[in-house]
PDB file of N, CA and C in Angstrom:
ATOM      1  N   UNK A   1      18.017 143.797-114.800  1.00  0.00           N
ATOM      2  CA  UNK A   1      17.415 144.734-115.730  1.00  0.00           C
ATOM      3  C   UNK A   1      17.735 146.149-115.271  1.00  0.00           C
ATOM      4  N   UNK A   2      17.897 147.037-116.200  1.00  0.00           N
ATOM      5  CA  UNK A   2      18.248 148.428-115.898  1.00  0.00           C
ATOM      6  C   UNK A   2      17.121 149.131-115.145  1.00  0.00           C
ATOM      7  N   UNK A   3      17.508 149.960-114.172  1.00  0.00           N
ATOM      8  CA  UNK A   3      16.511 150.784-113.502  1.00  0.00           C
ATOM      9  C   UNK A   3      16.969 152.244-113.527  1.00  0.00           C
ATOM     10  N   UNK A   4      16.086 153.134-113.119  1.00  0.00           N
ATOM     11  CA  UNK A   4      16.343 154.568-113.229  1.00  0.00           C
ATOM     12  C   UNK A   4      17.353 155.091-112.213  1.00  0.00           C
ATOM     13  N   UNK A   5      17.696 154.319-111.219  1.00  0.00           N
ATOM     14  CA  UNK A   5      18.587 154.785-110.161  1.00  0.00           C
ATOM     15  C   UNK A   5      20.013 154.263-110.283  1.00  0.00           C
ATOM     16  N   UNK A   6      20.270 153.446-111.272  1.00  0.00           N
ATOM     17  CA  UNK A   6      21.557 152.775-111.365  1.00  0.00           C
ATOM     18  C   UNK A   6      22.235 153.039-112.706  1.00  0.00           C
ATOM     19  N   UNK A   7      23.519 153.354-112.640  1.00  0.00           N
ATOM     20  CA  UNK A   7      24.311 153.432-113.865  1.00  0.00           C
ATOM     21  C   UNK A   7      24.603 152.009-114.316  1.00  0.00           C
ATOM     22  N   UNK A   8      24.506 151.764-115.610  1.00  0.00           N
ATOM     23  CA  UNK A   8      24.719 150.436-116.181  1.00  0.00           C
ATOM     24  C   UNK A   8      25.907 150.465-117.126  1.00  0.00           C
ATOM     25  N   UNK A   9      26.706 149.416-117.067  1.00  0.00           N
ATOM     26  CA  UNK A   9      27.880 149.300-117.927  1.00  0.00           C
ATOM     27  C   UNK A   9      27.504 148.579-119.216  1.00  0.00           C
ATOM     28  N   UNK A  10      28.015 149.096-120.328  1.00  0.00           N
ATOM     29  CA  UNK A  10      27.763 148.514-121.642  1.00  0.00           C
ATOM     30  C   UNK A  10      29.090 148.322-122.367  1.00  0.00           C
ATOM     31  N   UNK A  11      29.188 147.221-123.104  1.00  0.00           N
ATOM     32  CA  UNK A  11      30.356 146.960-123.940  1.00  0.00           C
ATOM     33  C   UNK A  11      29.872 146.747-125.366  1.00  0.00           C
ATOM     34  N   UNK A  12      30.397 147.543-126.265  1.00  0.00           N
ATOM     35  CA  UNK A  12      30.114 147.391-127.689  1.00  0.00           C
ATOM     36  C   UNK A  12      31.235 146.558-128.287  1.00  0.00           C
ATOM     37  N   UNK A  13      30.880 145.609-129.155  1.00  0.00           N
ATOM     38  CA  UNK A  13      31.840 144.649-129.697  1.00  0.00           C
ATOM     39  C   UNK A  13      31.831 144.697-131.222  1.00  0.00           C
ATOM     40  N   UNK A  14      33.029 144.699-131.802  1.00  0.00           N
ATOM     41  CA  UNK A  14      33.178 144.578-133.255  1.00  0.00           C
ATOM     42  C   UNK A  14      33.892 143.249-133.518  1.00  0.00           C
ATOM     43  N   UNK A  15      33.293 142.442-134.393  1.00  0.00           N
ATOM     44  CA  UNK A  15      33.871 141.148-134.750  1.00  0.00           C
ATOM     45  C   UNK A  15      34.906 141.299-135.859  1.00  0.00           C
ATOM     46  N   UNK A  16      35.825 140.355-135.926  1.00  0.00           N
ATOM     47  CA  UNK A  16      36.775 140.269-137.035  1.00  0.00           C
ATOM     48  C   UNK A  16      36.047 139.707-138.252  1.00  0.00           C
ATOM     49  N   UNK A  17      36.600 139.961-139.425  1.00  0.00           N
ATOM     50  CA  UNK A  17      36.032 139.409-140.661  1.00  0.00           C
ATOM     51  C   UNK A  17      36.039 137.885-140.578  1.00  0.00           C
ATOM     52  N   UNK A  18      34.964 137.274-141.032  1.00  0.00           N
ATOM     53  CA  UNK A  18      34.870 135.819-141.055  1.00  0.00           C
ATOM     54  C   UNK A  18      34.471 135.183-139.735  1.00  0.00           C
ATOM     55  N   UNK A  19      34.047 135.990-138.782  1.00  0.00           N
ATOM     56  CA  UNK A  19      33.639 135.456-137.482  1.00  0.00           C
ATOM     57  C   UNK A  19      32.446 134.518-137.644  1.00  0.00           C
ATOM     58  N   UNK A  20      32.507 133.315-137.058  1.00  0.00           N
ATOM     59  CA  UNK A  20      31.356 132.411-137.146  1.00  0.00           C
ATOM     60  C   UNK A  20      30.187 132.935-136.306  1.00  0.00           C
ATOM     61  N   UNK A  21      28.996 132.550-136.668  1.00  0.00           N
ATOM     62  CA  UNK A  21      27.802 133.025-135.956  1.00  0.00           C
ATOM     63  C   UNK A  21      27.736 132.498-134.524  1.00  0.00           C
ATOM     64  N   UNK A  22      28.577 131.559-134.179  1.00  0.00           N
ATOM     65  CA  UNK A  22      28.585 130.986-132.830  1.00  0.00           C
ATOM     66  C   UNK A  22      29.616 131.636-131.903  1.00  0.00           C
ATOM     67  N   UNK A  23      30.338 132.642-132.369  1.00  0.00           N
ATOM     68  CA  UNK A  23      31.437 133.236-131.589  1.00  0.00           C
ATOM     69  C   UNK A  23      30.977 133.800-130.252  1.00  0.00           C
ATOM     70  N   UNK A  24      29.762 134.286-130.177  1.00  0.00           N
ATOM     71  CA  UNK A  24      29.236 134.895-128.949  1.00  0.00           C
ATOM     72  C   UNK A  24      28.885 133.863-127.887  1.00  0.00           C
ATOM     73  N   UNK A  25      28.742 132.598-128.262  1.00  0.00           N
ATOM     74  CA  UNK A  25      28.264 131.574-127.337  1.00  0.00           C
ATOM     75  C   UNK A  25      29.167 131.381-126.122  1.00  0.00           C
ATOM     76  N   UNK A  26      30.429 131.758-126.236  1.00  0.00           N
ATOM     77  CA  UNK A  26      31.350 131.640-125.106  1.00  0.00           C
ATOM     78  C   UNK A  26      30.883 132.481-123.920  1.00  0.00           C
ATOM     79  N   UNK A  27      30.086 133.518-124.166  1.00  0.00           N
ATOM     80  CA  UNK A  27      29.595 134.398-123.098  1.00  0.00           C
ATOM     81  C   UNK A  27      28.260 133.932-122.520  1.00  0.00           C
ATOM     82  N   UNK A  28      27.597 133.010-123.178  1.00  0.00           N
ATOM     83  CA  UNK A  28      26.288 132.551-122.714  1.00  0.00           C
ATOM     84  C   UNK A  28      26.429 131.921-121.327  1.00  0.00           C
ATOM     85  N   UNK A  29      25.571 132.339-120.402  1.00  0.00           N
ATOM     86  CA  UNK A  29      25.630 131.815-119.049  1.00  0.00           C
ATOM     87  C   UNK A  29      26.581 132.562-118.130  1.00  0.00           C
ATOM     88  N   UNK A  30      27.285 133.564-118.647  1.00  0.00           N
ATOM     89  CA  UNK A  30      28.182 134.364-117.815  1.00  0.00           C
ATOM     90  C   UNK A  30      27.344 135.248-116.895  1.00  0.00           C
ATOM     91  N   UNK A  31      27.539 135.124-115.598  1.00  0.00           N
ATOM     92  CA  UNK A  31      26.730 135.852-114.618  1.00  0.00           C
ATOM     93  C   UNK A  31      26.901 137.364-114.674  1.00  0.00           C
ATOM     94  N   UNK A  32      27.977 137.846-115.251  1.00  0.00           N
ATOM     95  CA  UNK A  32      28.206 139.289-115.354  1.00  0.00           C
ATOM     96  C   UNK A  32      27.313 139.932-116.405  1.00  0.00           C
ATOM     97  N   UNK A  33      26.870 139.159-117.380  1.00  0.00           N
ATOM     98  CA  UNK A  33      26.116 139.713-118.507  1.00  0.00           C
ATOM     99  C   UNK A  33      24.622 139.678-118.199  1.00  0.00           C
ATOM    100  N   UNK A  34      24.013 140.866-118.182  1.00  0.00           N
ATOM    101  CA  UNK A  34      22.568 140.957-117.950  1.00  0.00           C
ATOM    102  C   UNK A  34      21.790 140.779-119.247  1.00  0.00           C
ATOM    103  N   UNK A  35      22.292 141.380-120.322  1.00  0.00           N
ATOM    104  CA  UNK A  35      21.647 141.270-121.628  1.00  0.00           C
ATOM    105  C   UNK A  35      22.722 141.252-122.706  1.00  0.00           C
ATOM    106  N   UNK A  36      22.442 140.549-123.791  1.00  0.00           N
ATOM    107  CA  UNK A  36      23.340 140.519-124.944  1.00  0.00           C
ATOM    108  C   UNK A  36      22.515 140.802-126.192  1.00  0.00           C
ATOM    109  N   UNK A  37      23.016 141.701-127.023  1.00  0.00           N
ATOM    110  CA  UNK A  37      22.302 142.131-128.217  1.00  0.00           C
ATOM    111  C   UNK A  37      23.190 141.968-129.441  1.00  0.00           C
ATOM    112  N   UNK A  38      22.606 141.550-130.539  1.00  0.00           N
ATOM    113  CA  UNK A  38      23.291 141.645-131.815  1.00  0.00           C
ATOM    114  C   UNK A  38      22.853 142.966-132.424  1.00  0.00           C
ATOM    115  N   UNK A  39      23.765 143.655-133.087  1.00  0.00           N
ATOM    116  CA  UNK A  39      23.466 144.987-133.601  1.00  0.00           C
ATOM    117  C   UNK A  39      23.904 145.116-135.052  1.00  0.00           C
ATOM    118  N   UNK A  40      23.422 146.155-135.700  1.00  0.00           N
ATOM    119  CA  UNK A  40      23.820 146.474-137.071  1.00  0.00           C
ATOM    120  C   UNK A  40      24.516 147.822-137.066  1.00  0.00           C
ATOM    121  N   UNK A  41      25.359 148.038-138.040  1.00  0.00           N
ATOM    122  CA  UNK A  41      26.050 149.316-138.126  1.00  0.00           C
ATOM    123  C   UNK A  41      27.515 149.161-137.772  1.00  0.00           C
ATOM    124  N   UNK A  42      28.058 150.168-137.104  1.00  0.00           N
ATOM    125  CA  UNK A  42      29.482 150.194-136.786  1.00  0.00           C
ATOM    126  C   UNK A  42      29.887 149.074-135.827  1.00  0.00           C
ATOM    127  N   UNK A  43      28.991 148.690-134.915  1.00  0.00           N
ATOM    128  CA  UNK A  43      29.282 147.653-133.932  1.00  0.00           C
ATOM    129  C   UNK A  43      28.399 146.439-134.200  1.00  0.00           C
ATOM    130  N   UNK A  44      28.894 145.255-133.828  1.00  0.00           N
ATOM    131  CA  UNK A  44      28.198 144.007-134.140  1.00  0.00           C
ATOM    132  C   UNK A  44      27.412 143.423-132.972  1.00  0.00           C
ATOM    133  N   UNK A  45      27.784 143.795-131.761  1.00  0.00           N
ATOM    134  CA  UNK A  45      27.108 143.266-130.577  1.00  0.00           C
ATOM    135  C   UNK A  45      27.215 144.270-129.441  1.00  0.00           C
ATOM    136  N   UNK A  46      26.321 144.133-128.474  1.00  0.00           N
ATOM    137  CA  UNK A  46      26.325 144.998-127.297  1.00  0.00           C
ATOM    138  C   UNK A  46      25.972 144.149-126.079  1.00  0.00           C
ATOM    139  N   UNK A  47      26.744 144.301-125.019  1.00  0.00           N
ATOM    140  CA  UNK A  47      26.518 143.559-123.786  1.00  0.00           C
ATOM    141  C   UNK A  47      26.242 144.533-122.648  1.00  0.00           C
ATOM    142  N   UNK A  48      25.190 144.284-121.881  1.00  0.00           N
ATOM    143  CA  UNK A  48      24.931 145.053-120.662  1.00  0.00           C
ATOM    144  C   UNK A  48      25.475 144.231-119.502  1.00  0.00           C
ATOM    145  N   UNK A  49      26.297 144.841-118.666  1.00  0.00           N
ATOM    146  CA  UNK A  49      27.006 144.112-117.624  1.00  0.00           C
ATOM    147  C   UNK A  49      26.613 144.523-116.219  1.00  0.00           C
ATOM    148  N   UNK A  50      26.846 143.614-115.288  1.00  0.00           N
ATOM    149  CA  UNK A  50      26.722 143.903-113.859  1.00  0.00           C
ATOM    150  C   UNK A  50      28.106 144.328-113.377  1.00  0.00           C
ATOM    151  N   UNK A  51      28.418 145.590-113.497  1.00  0.00           N
ATOM    152  CA  UNK A  51      29.706 146.105-113.035  1.00  0.00           C
ATOM    153  C   UNK A  51      29.439 147.299-112.136  1.00  0.00           C
ATOM    154  N   UNK A  52      30.087 147.331-110.994  1.00  0.00           N
ATOM    155  CA  UNK A  52      29.861 148.403-110.029  1.00  0.00           C
ATOM    156  C   UNK A  52      30.873 149.534-110.154  1.00  0.00           C
ATOM    157  N   UNK A  53      31.946 149.309-110.909  1.00  0.00           N
ATOM    158  CA  UNK A  53      32.983 150.332-111.025  1.00  0.00           C
ATOM    159  C   UNK A  53      33.650 150.239-112.394  1.00  0.00           C
ATOM    160  N   UNK A  54      34.393 151.287-112.727  1.00  0.00           N
ATOM    161  CA  UNK A  54      35.146 151.276-113.984  1.00  0.00           C
ATOM    162  C   UNK A  54      36.184 150.154-113.971  1.00  0.00           C
ATOM    163  N   UNK A  55      36.761 149.900-112.822  1.00  0.00           N
ATOM    164  CA  UNK A  55      37.762 148.841-112.709  1.00  0.00           C
ATOM    165  C   UNK A  55      37.146 147.471-113.002  1.00  0.00           C
ATOM    166  N   UNK A  56      35.969 147.206-112.433  1.00  0.00           N
ATOM    167  CA  UNK A  56      35.292 145.932-112.708  1.00  0.00           C
ATOM    168  C   UNK A  56      34.957 145.800-114.187  1.00  0.00           C
ATOM    169  N   UNK A  57      34.499 146.888-114.784  1.00  0.00           N
ATOM    170  CA  UNK A  57      34.163 146.868-116.206  1.00  0.00           C
ATOM    171  C   UNK A  57      35.389 146.532-117.044  1.00  0.00           C
ATOM    172  N   UNK A  58      36.492 147.214-116.798  1.00  0.00           N
ATOM    173  CA  UNK A  58      37.710 146.963-117.576  1.00  0.00           C
ATOM    174  C   UNK A  58      38.241 145.552-117.352  1.00  0.00           C
ATOM    175  N   UNK A  59      38.178 145.050-116.122  1.00  0.00           N
ATOM    176  CA  UNK A  59      38.598 143.671-115.852  1.00  0.00           C
ATOM    177  C   UNK A  59      37.771 142.688-116.668  1.00  0.00           C
ATOM    178  N   UNK A  60      36.448 142.890-116.681  1.00  0.00           N
ATOM    179  CA  UNK A  60      35.580 141.995-117.436  1.00  0.00           C
ATOM    180  C   UNK A  60      35.917 142.041-118.923  1.00  0.00           C
ATOM    181  N   UNK A  61      36.064 143.249-119.455  1.00  0.00           N
ATOM    182  CA  UNK A  61      36.338 143.397-120.889  1.00  0.00           C
ATOM    183  C   UNK A  61      37.611 142.656-121.271  1.00  0.00           C
ATOM    184  N   UNK A  62      38.680 142.841-120.537  1.00  0.00           N
ATOM    185  CA  UNK A  62      39.948 142.211-120.906  1.00  0.00           C
ATOM    186  C   UNK A  62      39.966 140.720-120.618  1.00  0.00           C
ATOM    187  N   UNK A  63      39.296 140.283-119.574  1.00  0.00           N
ATOM    188  CA  UNK A  63      39.303 138.858-119.226  1.00  0.00           C
ATOM    189  C   UNK A  63      38.331 138.038-120.066  1.00  0.00           C
ATOM    190  N   UNK A  64      37.153 138.596-120.365  1.00  0.00           N
ATOM    191  CA  UNK A  64      36.109 137.801-121.010  1.00  0.00           C
ATOM    192  C   UNK A  64      35.794 138.205-122.448  1.00  0.00           C
ATOM    193  N   UNK A  65      35.937 139.465-122.792  1.00  0.00           N
ATOM    194  CA  UNK A  65      35.549 139.903-124.132  1.00  0.00           C
ATOM    195  C   UNK A  65      36.754 139.952-125.065  1.00  0.00           C
ATOM    196  N   UNK A  66      37.774 140.708-124.695  1.00  0.00           N
ATOM    197  CA  UNK A  66      38.943 140.845-125.568  1.00  0.00           C
ATOM    198  C   UNK A  66      39.702 139.534-125.720  1.00  0.00           C
ATOM    199  N   UNK A  67      39.511 138.600-124.811  1.00  0.00           N
ATOM    200  CA  UNK A  67      40.176 137.301-124.921  1.00  0.00           C
ATOM    201  C   UNK A  67      39.508 136.395-125.959  1.00  0.00           C
ATOM    202  N   UNK A  68      38.308 136.762-126.415  1.00  0.00           N
ATOM    203  CA  UNK A  68      37.624 136.003-127.468  1.00  0.00           C
ATOM    204  C   UNK A  68      38.387 136.221-128.769  1.00  0.00           C
ATOM    205  N   UNK A  69      38.853 135.152-129.384  1.00  0.00           N
ATOM    206  CA  UNK A  69      39.700 135.265-130.576  1.00  0.00           C
ATOM    207  C   UNK A  69      39.035 135.998-131.736  1.00  0.00           C
ATOM    208  N   UNK A  70      37.730 136.121-131.734  1.00  0.00           N
ATOM    209  CA  UNK A  70      37.013 136.751-132.841  1.00  0.00           C
ATOM    210  C   UNK A  70      36.734 138.233-132.630  1.00  0.00           C
ATOM    211  N   UNK A  71      37.039 138.754-131.454  1.00  0.00           N
ATOM    212  CA  UNK A  71      36.778 140.166-131.166  1.00  0.00           C
ATOM    213  C   UNK A  71      37.878 141.034-131.767  1.00  0.00           C
ATOM    214  N   UNK A  72      37.459 142.005-132.562  1.00  0.00           N
ATOM    215  CA  UNK A  72      38.392 142.940-133.190  1.00  0.00           C
ATOM    216  C   UNK A  72      38.583 144.193-132.350  1.00  0.00           C
ATOM    217  N   UNK A  73      37.490 144.707-131.761  1.00  0.00           N
ATOM    218  CA  UNK A  73      37.549 145.971-131.036  1.00  0.00           C
ATOM    219  C   UNK A  73      36.394 146.040-130.040  1.00  0.00           C
ATOM    220  N   UNK A  74      36.567 146.851-129.012  1.00  0.00           N
ATOM    221  CA  UNK A  74      35.502 147.074-128.036  1.00  0.00           C
ATOM    222  C   UNK A  74      35.433 148.552-127.676  1.00  0.00           C
ATOM    223  N   UNK A  75      34.287 148.936-127.173  1.00  0.00           N
ATOM    224  CA  UNK A  75      34.084 150.283-126.639  1.00  0.00           C
ATOM    225  C   UNK A  75      33.188 150.133-125.416  1.00  0.00           C
ATOM    226  N   UNK A  76      33.526 150.820-124.346  1.00  0.00           N
ATOM    227  CA  UNK A  76      32.710 150.735-123.139  1.00  0.00           C
ATOM    228  C   UNK A  76      32.039 152.071-122.862  1.00  0.00           C
ATOM    229  N   UNK A  77      30.907 152.001-122.181  1.00  0.00           N
ATOM    230  CA  UNK A  77      30.194 153.214-121.782  1.00  0.00           C
ATOM    231  C   UNK A  77      29.307 152.901-120.593  1.00  0.00           C
ATOM    232  N   UNK A  78      28.843 153.953-119.946  1.00  0.00           N
ATOM    233  CA  UNK A  78      27.898 153.847-118.840  1.00  0.00           C
ATOM    234  C   UNK A  78      26.639 154.585-119.234  1.00  0.00           C
ATOM    235  N   UNK A  79      25.488 154.044-118.856  1.00  0.00           N
ATOM    236  CA  UNK A  79      24.211 154.690-119.173  1.00  0.00           C
ATOM    237  C   UNK A  79      23.242 154.480-118.014  1.00  0.00           C
ATOM    238  N   UNK A  80      22.351 155.454-117.844  1.00  0.00           N
ATOM    239  CA  UNK A  80      21.302 155.358-116.831  1.00  0.00           C
ATOM    240  C   UNK A  80      19.958 155.510-117.539  1.00  0.00           C
ATOM    241  N   UNK A  81      19.037 154.635-117.207  1.00  0.00           N
ATOM    242  CA  UNK A  81      17.712 154.626-117.832  1.00  0.00           C
ATOM    243  C   UNK A  81      16.922 155.875-117.443  1.00  0.00           C
ATOM    244  N   UNK A  82      16.309 156.533-118.415  1.00  0.00           N
ATOM    245  CA  UNK A  82      15.439 157.680-118.158  1.00  0.00           C
ATOM    246  C   UNK A  82      13.999 157.246-117.944  1.00  0.00           C
ATOM    247  N   UNK A  83      13.485 156.377-118.779  1.00  0.00           N
ATOM    248  CA  UNK A  83      12.115 155.862-118.638  1.00  0.00           C
ATOM    249  C   UNK A  83      12.034 154.466-119.154  1.00  0.00           C
TER     250      UNK A  83
END
């Protein structure tokens, strides 16, 4: 869970048209993922990750997220909890 002293890595995911509702299940149980959210608007899902560096984040995205055949696009960011 996010705390006030730690930067947290986030990956925003956009699905391709016609993506089945089960497409995200490939990530279930992945130890890198702390939380997974379905979202509305420009992005379809958001993942909070256990990544200690930009390199780890990018490795995870390309190995586990972008390799999902239903993923159209991703965006990464870092955030720190205020309260």
